[in-house]
mmCIF file of all heavy atoms, coordinates in Angstrom:
data_MODEL
# 
_entry.id   MODEL 
# 
loop_
_atom_site.group_PDB 
_atom_site.id 
_atom_site.type_symbol 
_atom_site.label_atom_id 
_atom_site.label_alt_id 
_atom_site.label_comp_id 
_atom_site.label_asym_id 
_atom_site.label_entity_id 
_atom_site.label_seq_id 
_atom_site.pdbx_PDB_ins_code 
_atom_site.Cartn_x 
_atom_site.Cartn_y 
_atom_site.Cartn_z 
_atom_site.occupancy 
_atom_site.B_iso_or_equiv 
_atom_site.pdbx_formal_charge 
_atom_site.auth_seq_id 
_atom_site.auth_comp_id 
_atom_site.auth_asym_id 
_atom_site.auth_atom_id 
_atom_site.pdbx_PDB_model_num 
ATOM 1   N N   . THR A 1 1  ? 0.797  -1.222 0.004   1.00 0.00 ? 1  THR A N   1 
ATOM 2   C CA  . THR A 1 1  ? -0.004 -0.006 -0.004  1.00 0.00 ? 1  THR A CA  1 
ATOM 3   C C   . THR A 1 1  ? 0.843  1.281  0.002   1.00 0.00 ? 1  THR A C   1 
ATOM 4   O O   . THR A 1 1  ? 0.552  2.195  -0.782  1.00 0.00 ? 1  THR A O   1 
ATOM 5   C CB  . THR A 1 1  ? -0.954 0.010  1.210   1.00 0.00 ? 1  THR A CB  1 
ATOM 6   O OG1 . THR A 1 1  ? -1.743 -1.196 1.150   1.00 0.00 ? 1  THR A OG1 1 
ATOM 7   C CG2 . THR A 1 1  ? -1.884 1.183  1.171   1.00 0.00 ? 1  THR A CG2 1 
ATOM 8   N N   . PRO A 1 2  ? 1.890  1.388  0.819   1.00 0.00 ? 2  PRO A N   1 
ATOM 9   C CA  . PRO A 1 2  ? 2.685  2.626  0.795   1.00 0.00 ? 2  PRO A CA  1 
ATOM 10  C C   . PRO A 1 2  ? 3.324  2.888  -0.560  1.00 0.00 ? 2  PRO A C   1 
ATOM 11  O O   . PRO A 1 2  ? 3.325  4.020  -1.060  1.00 0.00 ? 2  PRO A O   1 
ATOM 12  C CB  . PRO A 1 2  ? 3.759  2.416  1.869   1.00 0.00 ? 2  PRO A CB  1 
ATOM 13  C CG  . PRO A 1 2  ? 3.226  1.378  2.763   1.00 0.00 ? 2  PRO A CG  1 
ATOM 14  C CD  . PRO A 1 2  ? 2.358  0.519  1.896   1.00 0.00 ? 2  PRO A CD  1 
ATOM 15  N N   . PHE A 1 3  ? 3.842  1.854  -1.197  1.00 0.00 ? 3  PHE A N   1 
ATOM 16  C CA  . PHE A 1 3  ? 4.463  2.020  -2.488  1.00 0.00 ? 3  PHE A CA  1 
ATOM 17  C C   . PHE A 1 3  ? 3.438  2.409  -3.561  1.00 0.00 ? 3  PHE A C   1 
ATOM 18  O O   . PHE A 1 3  ? 3.725  3.242  -4.420  1.00 0.00 ? 3  PHE A O   1 
ATOM 19  C CB  . PHE A 1 3  ? 5.189  0.726  -2.880  1.00 0.00 ? 3  PHE A CB  1 
ATOM 20  C CG  . PHE A 1 3  ? 6.210  0.924  -3.964  1.00 0.00 ? 3  PHE A CG  1 
ATOM 21  C CD1 . PHE A 1 3  ? 7.468  1.404  -3.653  1.00 0.00 ? 3  PHE A CD1 1 
ATOM 22  C CD2 . PHE A 1 3  ? 5.907  0.659  -5.292  1.00 0.00 ? 3  PHE A CD2 1 
ATOM 23  C CE1 . PHE A 1 3  ? 8.409  1.593  -4.651  1.00 0.00 ? 3  PHE A CE1 1 
ATOM 24  C CE2 . PHE A 1 3  ? 6.843  0.849  -6.295  1.00 0.00 ? 3  PHE A CE2 1 
ATOM 25  C CZ  . PHE A 1 3  ? 8.089  1.320  -5.953  1.00 0.00 ? 3  PHE A CZ  1 
ATOM 26  N N   . GLN A 1 4  ? 2.274  1.831  -3.510  1.00 0.00 ? 4  GLN A N   1 
ATOM 27  C CA  . GLN A 1 4  ? 1.215  2.180  -4.437  1.00 0.00 ? 4  GLN A CA  1 
ATOM 28  C C   . GLN A 1 4  ? 0.780  3.631  -4.246  1.00 0.00 ? 4  GLN A C   1 
ATOM 29  O O   . GLN A 1 4  ? 0.508  4.342  -5.223  1.00 0.00 ? 4  GLN A O   1 
ATOM 30  C CB  . GLN A 1 4  ? 0.003  1.252  -4.252  1.00 0.00 ? 4  GLN A CB  1 
ATOM 31  C CG  . GLN A 1 4  ? 0.282  -0.191 -4.610  1.00 0.00 ? 4  GLN A CG  1 
ATOM 32  C CD  . GLN A 1 4  ? 0.675  -0.382 -6.060  1.00 0.00 ? 4  GLN A CD  1 
ATOM 33  O OE1 . GLN A 1 4  ? 0.152  0.290  -6.945  1.00 0.00 ? 4  GLN A OE1 1 
ATOM 34  N NE2 . GLN A 1 4  ? 1.595  -1.284 -6.324  1.00 0.00 ? 4  GLN A NE2 1 
ATOM 35  N N   . TRP A 1 5  ? 0.750  4.108  -2.988  1.00 0.00 ? 5  TRP A N   1 
ATOM 36  C CA  . TRP A 1 5  ? 0.399  5.497  -2.718  1.00 0.00 ? 5  TRP A CA  1 
ATOM 37  C C   . TRP A 1 5  ? 1.450  6.451  -3.292  1.00 0.00 ? 5  TRP A C   1 
ATOM 38  O O   . TRP A 1 5  ? 1.117  7.446  -3.925  1.00 0.00 ? 5  TRP A O   1 
ATOM 39  C CB  . TRP A 1 5  ? 0.265  5.719  -1.220  1.00 0.00 ? 5  TRP A CB  1 
ATOM 40  C CG  . TRP A 1 5  ? -0.111 7.123  -0.878  1.00 0.00 ? 5  TRP A CG  1 
ATOM 41  C CD1 . TRP A 1 5  ? -1.379 7.645  -0.873  1.00 0.00 ? 5  TRP A CD1 1 
ATOM 42  C CD2 . TRP A 1 5  ? 0.764  8.170  -0.486  1.00 0.00 ? 5  TRP A CD2 1 
ATOM 43  N NE1 . TRP A 1 5  ? -1.315 8.984  -0.540  1.00 0.00 ? 5  TRP A NE1 1 
ATOM 44  C CE2 . TRP A 1 5  ? -0.007 9.327  -0.283  1.00 0.00 ? 5  TRP A CE2 1 
ATOM 45  C CE3 . TRP A 1 5  ? 2.148  8.250  -0.315  1.00 0.00 ? 5  TRP A CE3 1 
ATOM 46  C CZ2 . TRP A 1 5  ? 0.537  10.535 0.089   1.00 0.00 ? 5  TRP A CZ2 1 
ATOM 47  C CZ3 . TRP A 1 5  ? 2.691  9.467  0.056   1.00 0.00 ? 5  TRP A CZ3 1 
ATOM 48  C CH2 . TRP A 1 5  ? 1.894  10.584 0.252   1.00 0.00 ? 5  TRP A CH2 1 
ATOM 49  N N   . VAL A 1 6  ? 2.726  6.113  -3.113  1.00 0.00 ? 6  VAL A N   1 
ATOM 50  C CA  . VAL A 1 6  ? 3.787  6.947  -3.661  1.00 0.00 ? 6  VAL A CA  1 
ATOM 51  C C   . VAL A 1 6  ? 3.689  6.979  -5.175  1.00 0.00 ? 6  VAL A C   1 
ATOM 52  O O   . VAL A 1 6  ? 3.859  8.037  -5.799  1.00 0.00 ? 6  VAL A O   1 
ATOM 53  C CB  . VAL A 1 6  ? 5.176  6.438  -3.192  1.00 0.00 ? 6  VAL A CB  1 
ATOM 54  C CG1 . VAL A 1 6  ? 6.293  7.080  -3.965  1.00 0.00 ? 6  VAL A CG1 1 
ATOM 55  C CG2 . VAL A 1 6  ? 5.337  6.655  -1.707  1.00 0.00 ? 6  VAL A CG2 1 
ATOM 56  N N   . ARG A 1 7  ? 3.444  5.874  -5.802  1.00 0.00 ? 7  ARG A N   1 
ATOM 57  C CA  . ARG A 1 7  ? 3.310  5.804  -7.257  1.00 0.00 ? 7  ARG A CA  1 
ATOM 58  C C   . ARG A 1 7  ? 2.135  6.663  -7.732  1.00 0.00 ? 7  ARG A C   1 
ATOM 59  O O   . ARG A 1 7  ? 2.228  7.384  -8.712  1.00 0.00 ? 7  ARG A O   1 
ATOM 60  C CB  . ARG A 1 7  ? 3.124  4.369  -7.710  1.00 0.00 ? 7  ARG A CB  1 
ATOM 61  C CG  . ARG A 1 7  ? 3.050  4.243  -9.226  1.00 0.00 ? 7  ARG A CG  1 
ATOM 62  C CD  . ARG A 1 7  ? 2.889  2.843  -9.680  1.00 0.00 ? 7  ARG A CD  1 
ATOM 63  N NE  . ARG A 1 7  ? 4.114  2.114  -9.364  1.00 0.00 ? 7  ARG A NE  1 
ATOM 64  C CZ  . ARG A 1 7  ? 4.234  0.795  -9.415  1.00 0.00 ? 7  ARG A CZ  1 
ATOM 65  N NH1 . ARG A 1 7  ? 3.204  0.059  -9.749  1.00 0.00 ? 7  ARG A NH1 1 
ATOM 66  N NH2 . ARG A 1 7  ? 5.380  0.204  -9.131  1.00 0.00 ? 7  ARG A NH2 1 
ATOM 67  N N   . ALA A 1 8  ? 1.011  6.613  -6.995  1.00 0.00 ? 8  ALA A N   1 
ATOM 68  C CA  . ALA A 1 8  ? -0.153 7.417  -7.366  1.00 0.00 ? 8  ALA A CA  1 
ATOM 69  C C   . ALA A 1 8  ? 0.125  8.911  -7.239  1.00 0.00 ? 8  ALA A C   1 
ATOM 70  O O   . ALA A 1 8  ? -0.263 9.703  -8.103  1.00 0.00 ? 8  ALA A O   1 
ATOM 71  C CB  . ALA A 1 8  ? -1.356 7.034  -6.496  1.00 0.00 ? 8  ALA A CB  1 
ATOM 72  N N   . VAL A 1 9  ? 0.826  9.305  -6.184  1.00 0.00 ? 9  VAL A N   1 
ATOM 73  C CA  . VAL A 1 9  ? 1.164  10.716 -5.987  1.00 0.00 ? 9  VAL A CA  1 
ATOM 74  C C   . VAL A 1 9  ? 2.122  11.191 -7.092  1.00 0.00 ? 9  VAL A C   1 
ATOM 75  O O   . VAL A 1 9  ? 1.945  12.272 -7.656  1.00 0.00 ? 9  VAL A O   1 
ATOM 76  C CB  . VAL A 1 9  ? 1.756  10.956 -4.584  1.00 0.00 ? 9  VAL A CB  1 
ATOM 77  C CG1 . VAL A 1 9  ? 2.362  12.331 -4.467  1.00 0.00 ? 9  VAL A CG1 1 
ATOM 78  C CG2 . VAL A 1 9  ? 0.707  10.746 -3.523  1.00 0.00 ? 9  VAL A CG2 1 
ATOM 79  N N   . ALA A 1 10 ? 3.099  10.368 -7.413  1.00 0.00 ? 10 ALA A N   1 
ATOM 80  C CA  . ALA A 1 10 ? 4.037  10.736 -8.474  1.00 0.00 ? 10 ALA A CA  1 
ATOM 81  C C   . ALA A 1 10 ? 3.328  10.879 -9.823  1.00 0.00 ? 10 ALA A C   1 
ATOM 82  O O   . ALA A 1 10 ? 3.574  11.814 -10.577 1.00 0.00 ? 10 ALA A O   1 
ATOM 83  C CB  . ALA A 1 10 ? 5.160  9.697  -8.579  1.00 0.00 ? 10 ALA A CB  1 
ATOM 84  N N   . THR A 1 11 ? 2.420  9.968  -10.126 1.00 0.00 ? 11 THR A N   1 
ATOM 85  C CA  . THR A 1 11 ? 1.662  10.032 -11.360 1.00 0.00 ? 11 THR A CA  1 
ATOM 86  C C   . THR A 1 11 ? 0.775  11.289 -11.400 1.00 0.00 ? 11 THR A C   1 
ATOM 87  O O   . THR A 1 11 ? 0.671  11.957 -12.439 1.00 0.00 ? 11 THR A O   1 
ATOM 88  C CB  . THR A 1 11 ? 0.795  8.773  -11.526 1.00 0.00 ? 11 THR A CB  1 
ATOM 89  O OG1 . THR A 1 11 ? 1.639  7.629  -11.502 1.00 0.00 ? 11 THR A OG1 1 
ATOM 90  C CG2 . THR A 1 11 ? 0.006  8.802  -12.828 1.00 0.00 ? 11 THR A CG2 1 
ATOM 91  N N   . ALA A 1 12 ? 0.170  11.605 -10.288 1.00 0.00 ? 12 ALA A N   1 
ATOM 92  C CA  . ALA A 1 12 ? -0.673 12.812 -10.218 1.00 0.00 ? 12 ALA A CA  1 
ATOM 93  C C   . ALA A 1 12 ? 0.152  14.080 -10.421 1.00 0.00 ? 12 ALA A C   1 
ATOM 94  O O   . ALA A 1 12 ? -0.286 15.010 -11.110 1.00 0.00 ? 12 ALA A O   1 
ATOM 95  C CB  . ALA A 1 12 ? -1.401 12.863 -8.874  1.00 0.00 ? 12 ALA A CB  1 
ATOM 96  N N   . LEU A 1 13 ? 1.337  14.133 -9.838  1.00 0.00 ? 13 LEU A N   1 
ATOM 97  C CA  . LEU A 1 13 ? 2.192  15.287 -10.031 1.00 0.00 ? 13 LEU A CA  1 
ATOM 98  C C   . LEU A 1 13 ? 2.615  15.450 -11.489 1.00 0.00 ? 13 LEU A C   1 
ATOM 99  O O   . LEU A 1 13 ? 2.579  16.569 -12.043 1.00 0.00 ? 13 LEU A O   1 
ATOM 100 C CB  . LEU A 1 13 ? 3.447  15.179 -9.148  1.00 0.00 ? 13 LEU A CB  1 
ATOM 101 C CG  . LEU A 1 13 ? 3.230  15.440 -7.669  1.00 0.00 ? 13 LEU A CG  1 
ATOM 102 C CD1 . LEU A 1 13 ? 4.498  15.063 -6.873  1.00 0.00 ? 13 LEU A CD1 1 
ATOM 103 C CD2 . LEU A 1 13 ? 2.863  16.884 -7.428  1.00 0.00 ? 13 LEU A CD2 1 
ATOM 104 N N   . VAL A 1 14 ? 3.005  14.358 -12.141 1.00 0.00 ? 14 VAL A N   1 
ATOM 105 C CA  . VAL A 1 14 ? 3.408  14.436 -13.530 1.00 0.00 ? 14 VAL A CA  1 
ATOM 106 C C   . VAL A 1 14 ? 2.239  14.841 -14.416 1.00 0.00 ? 14 VAL A C   1 
ATOM 107 O O   . VAL A 1 14 ? 2.369  15.702 -15.285 1.00 0.00 ? 14 VAL A O   1 
ATOM 108 C CB  . VAL A 1 14 ? 4.013  13.079 -13.998 1.00 0.00 ? 14 VAL A CB  1 
ATOM 109 C CG1 . VAL A 1 14 ? 4.188  13.055 -15.519 1.00 0.00 ? 14 VAL A CG1 1 
ATOM 110 C CG2 . VAL A 1 14 ? 5.335  12.848 -13.313 1.00 0.00 ? 14 VAL A CG2 1 
ATOM 111 N N   . SER A 1 15 ? 1.072  14.270 -14.201 1.00 0.00 ? 15 SER A N   1 
ATOM 112 C CA  . SER A 1 15 ? -0.076 14.641 -15.027 1.00 0.00 ? 15 SER A CA  1 
ATOM 113 C C   . SER A 1 15 ? -0.478 16.081 -14.790 1.00 0.00 ? 15 SER A C   1 
ATOM 114 O O   . SER A 1 15 ? -0.893 16.785 -15.724 1.00 0.00 ? 15 SER A O   1 
ATOM 115 C CB  . SER A 1 15 ? -1.235 13.677 -14.809 1.00 0.00 ? 15 SER A CB  1 
ATOM 116 O OG  . SER A 1 15 ? -1.601 13.648 -13.453 1.00 0.00 ? 15 SER A OG  1 
ATOM 117 N N   . GLY A 1 16 ? -0.356 16.574 -13.575 1.00 0.00 ? 16 GLY A N   1 
ATOM 118 C CA  . GLY A 1 16 ? -0.640 17.964 -13.299 1.00 0.00 ? 16 GLY A CA  1 
ATOM 119 C C   . GLY A 1 16 ? 0.309  18.900 -14.002 1.00 0.00 ? 16 GLY A C   1 
ATOM 120 O O   . GLY A 1 16 ? -0.073 19.928 -14.560 1.00 0.00 ? 16 GLY A O   1 
ATOM 121 N N   . LEU A 1 17 ? 1.595  18.544 -14.022 1.00 0.00 ? 17 LEU A N   1 
ATOM 122 C CA  . LEU A 1 17 ? 2.589  19.360 -14.696 1.00 0.00 ? 17 LEU A CA  1 
ATOM 123 C C   . LEU A 1 17 ? 2.383  19.369 -16.214 1.00 0.00 ? 17 LEU A C   1 
ATOM 124 O O   . LEU A 1 17 ? 2.509  20.393 -16.866 1.00 0.00 ? 17 LEU A O   1 
ATOM 125 C CB  . LEU A 1 17 ? 3.986  18.886 -14.347 1.00 0.00 ? 17 LEU A CB  1 
ATOM 126 C CG  . LEU A 1 17 ? 4.432  19.182 -12.919 1.00 0.00 ? 17 LEU A CG  1 
ATOM 127 C CD1 . LEU A 1 17 ? 5.767  18.489 -12.629 1.00 0.00 ? 17 LEU A CD1 1 
ATOM 128 C CD2 . LEU A 1 17 ? 4.563  20.673 -12.697 1.00 0.00 ? 17 LEU A CD2 1 
ATOM 129 N N   . VAL A 1 18 ? 2.046  18.207 -16.774 1.00 0.00 ? 18 VAL A N   1 
ATOM 130 C CA  . VAL A 1 18 ? 1.801  18.141 -18.223 1.00 0.00 ? 18 VAL A CA  1 
ATOM 131 C C   . VAL A 1 18 ? 0.550  18.970 -18.571 1.00 0.00 ? 18 VAL A C   1 
ATOM 132 O O   . VAL A 1 18 ? 0.566  19.718 -19.560 1.00 0.00 ? 18 VAL A O   1 
ATOM 133 C CB  . VAL A 1 18 ? 1.635  16.666 -18.673 1.00 0.00 ? 18 VAL A CB  1 
ATOM 134 C CG1 . VAL A 1 18 ? 1.096  16.590 -20.092 1.00 0.00 ? 18 VAL A CG1 1 
ATOM 135 C CG2 . VAL A 1 18 ? 2.972  15.950 -18.570 1.00 0.00 ? 18 VAL A CG2 1 
ATOM 136 N N   . THR A 1 19 ? -0.476 18.865 -17.774 1.00 0.00 ? 19 THR A N   1 
ATOM 137 C CA  . THR A 1 19 ? -1.691 19.649 -18.011 1.00 0.00 ? 19 THR A CA  1 
ATOM 138 C C   . THR A 1 19 ? -1.386 21.137 -17.932 1.00 0.00 ? 19 THR A C   1 
ATOM 139 O O   . THR A 1 19 ? -1.856 21.919 -18.776 1.00 0.00 ? 19 THR A O   1 
ATOM 140 C CB  . THR A 1 19 ? -2.778 19.284 -16.977 1.00 0.00 ? 19 THR A CB  1 
ATOM 141 O OG1 . THR A 1 19 ? -3.044 17.895 -17.078 1.00 0.00 ? 19 THR A OG1 1 
ATOM 142 C CG2 . THR A 1 19 ? -4.055 20.081 -17.220 1.00 0.00 ? 19 THR A CG2 1 
ATOM 143 N N   . ARG A 1 20 ? -0.583 21.535 -16.982 1.00 0.00 ? 20 ARG A N   1 
ATOM 144 C CA  . ARG A 1 20 ? -0.204 22.945 -16.858 1.00 0.00 ? 20 ARG A CA  1 
ATOM 145 C C   . ARG A 1 20 ? 0.586  23.404 -18.074 1.00 0.00 ? 20 ARG A C   1 
ATOM 146 O O   . ARG A 1 20 ? 0.388  24.500 -18.593 1.00 0.00 ? 20 ARG A O   1 
ATOM 147 C CB  . ARG A 1 20 ? 0.622  23.169 -15.605 1.00 0.00 ? 20 ARG A CB  1 
ATOM 148 C CG  . ARG A 1 20 ? 0.975  24.625 -15.381 1.00 0.00 ? 20 ARG A CG  1 
ATOM 149 C CD  . ARG A 1 20 ? 1.778  24.796 -14.106 1.00 0.00 ? 20 ARG A CD  1 
ATOM 150 N NE  . ARG A 1 20 ? 2.082  26.175 -13.877 1.00 0.00 ? 20 ARG A NE  1 
ATOM 151 C CZ  . ARG A 1 20 ? 3.063  26.843 -14.455 1.00 0.00 ? 20 ARG A CZ  1 
ATOM 152 N NH1 . ARG A 1 20 ? 3.844  26.245 -15.325 1.00 0.00 ? 20 ARG A NH1 1 
ATOM 153 N NH2 . ARG A 1 20 ? 3.279  28.109 -14.201 1.00 0.00 ? 20 ARG A NH2 1 
ATOM 154 N N   . MET A 1 21 ? 1.491  22.553 -18.568 1.00 0.00 ? 21 MET A N   1 
ATOM 155 C CA  . MET A 1 21 ? 2.267  22.902 -19.767 1.00 0.00 ? 21 MET A CA  1 
ATOM 156 C C   . MET A 1 21 ? 1.393  23.067 -20.985 1.00 0.00 ? 21 MET A C   1 
ATOM 157 O O   . MET A 1 21 ? 1.620  23.928 -21.825 1.00 0.00 ? 21 MET A O   1 
ATOM 158 C CB  . MET A 1 21 ? 3.353  21.865 -20.046 1.00 0.00 ? 21 MET A CB  1 
ATOM 159 C CG  . MET A 1 21 ? 4.535  21.918 -19.106 1.00 0.00 ? 21 MET A CG  1 
ATOM 160 S SD  . MET A 1 21 ? 5.705  20.597 -19.387 1.00 0.00 ? 21 MET A SD  1 
ATOM 161 C CE  . MET A 1 21 ? 6.001  20.656 -21.096 1.00 0.00 ? 21 MET A CE  1 
ATOM 162 N N   . VAL A 1 22 ? 0.367  22.230 -21.120 1.00 0.00 ? 22 VAL A N   1 
ATOM 163 C CA  . VAL A 1 22 ? -0.498 22.280 -22.299 1.00 0.00 ? 22 VAL A CA  1 
ATOM 164 C C   . VAL A 1 22 ? -1.482 23.448 -22.198 1.00 0.00 ? 22 VAL A C   1 
ATOM 165 O O   . VAL A 1 22 ? -1.656 24.189 -23.160 1.00 0.00 ? 22 VAL A O   1 
ATOM 166 C CB  . VAL A 1 22 ? -1.265 20.938 -22.479 1.00 0.00 ? 22 VAL A CB  1 
ATOM 167 C CG1 . VAL A 1 22 ? -2.310 21.047 -23.546 1.00 0.00 ? 22 VAL A CG1 1 
ATOM 168 C CG2 . VAL A 1 22 ? -0.279 19.818 -22.811 1.00 0.00 ? 22 VAL A CG2 1 
ATOM 169 N N   . LEU A 1 23 ? -2.104 23.622 -21.055 1.00 0.00 ? 23 LEU A N   1 
ATOM 170 C CA  . LEU A 1 23 ? -3.152 24.650 -20.934 1.00 0.00 ? 23 LEU A CA  1 
ATOM 171 C C   . LEU A 1 23 ? -2.628 26.028 -20.537 1.00 0.00 ? 23 LEU A C   1 
ATOM 172 O O   . LEU A 1 23 ? -3.191 27.044 -20.949 1.00 0.00 ? 23 LEU A O   1 
ATOM 173 C CB  . LEU A 1 23 ? -4.210 24.191 -19.931 1.00 0.00 ? 23 LEU A CB  1 
ATOM 174 C CG  . LEU A 1 23 ? -4.953 22.917 -20.285 1.00 0.00 ? 23 LEU A CG  1 
ATOM 175 C CD1 . LEU A 1 23 ? -5.958 22.553 -19.202 1.00 0.00 ? 23 LEU A CD1 1 
ATOM 176 C CD2 . LEU A 1 23 ? -5.647 23.067 -21.638 1.00 0.00 ? 23 LEU A CD2 1 
ATOM 177 N N   . PHE A 1 24 ? -1.603 26.083 -19.720 1.00 0.00 ? 24 PHE A N   1 
ATOM 178 C CA  . PHE A 1 24 ? -1.040 27.348 -19.261 1.00 0.00 ? 24 PHE A CA  1 
ATOM 179 C C   . PHE A 1 24 ? 0.462  27.360 -19.471 1.00 0.00 ? 24 PHE A C   1 
ATOM 180 O O   . PHE A 1 24 ? 1.239  27.297 -18.516 1.00 0.00 ? 24 PHE A O   1 
ATOM 181 C CB  . PHE A 1 24 ? -1.365 27.580 -17.771 1.00 0.00 ? 24 PHE A CB  1 
ATOM 182 C CG  . PHE A 1 24 ? -2.815 27.412 -17.441 1.00 0.00 ? 24 PHE A CG  1 
ATOM 183 C CD1 . PHE A 1 24 ? -3.280 26.306 -16.761 1.00 0.00 ? 24 PHE A CD1 1 
ATOM 184 C CD2 . PHE A 1 24 ? -3.730 28.386 -17.822 1.00 0.00 ? 24 PHE A CD2 1 
ATOM 185 C CE1 . PHE A 1 24 ? -4.621 26.161 -16.446 1.00 0.00 ? 24 PHE A CE1 1 
ATOM 186 C CE2 . PHE A 1 24 ? -5.082 28.244 -17.530 1.00 0.00 ? 24 PHE A CE2 1 
ATOM 187 C CZ  . PHE A 1 24 ? -5.506 27.143 -16.838 1.00 0.00 ? 24 PHE A CZ  1 
# 
């Protein structure tokens, strides 16, 4: 569970940064 949580947080950060690059 802890490793899966870290992976989910890392994925969310990357997708947020990509979205920011595309939209703003």
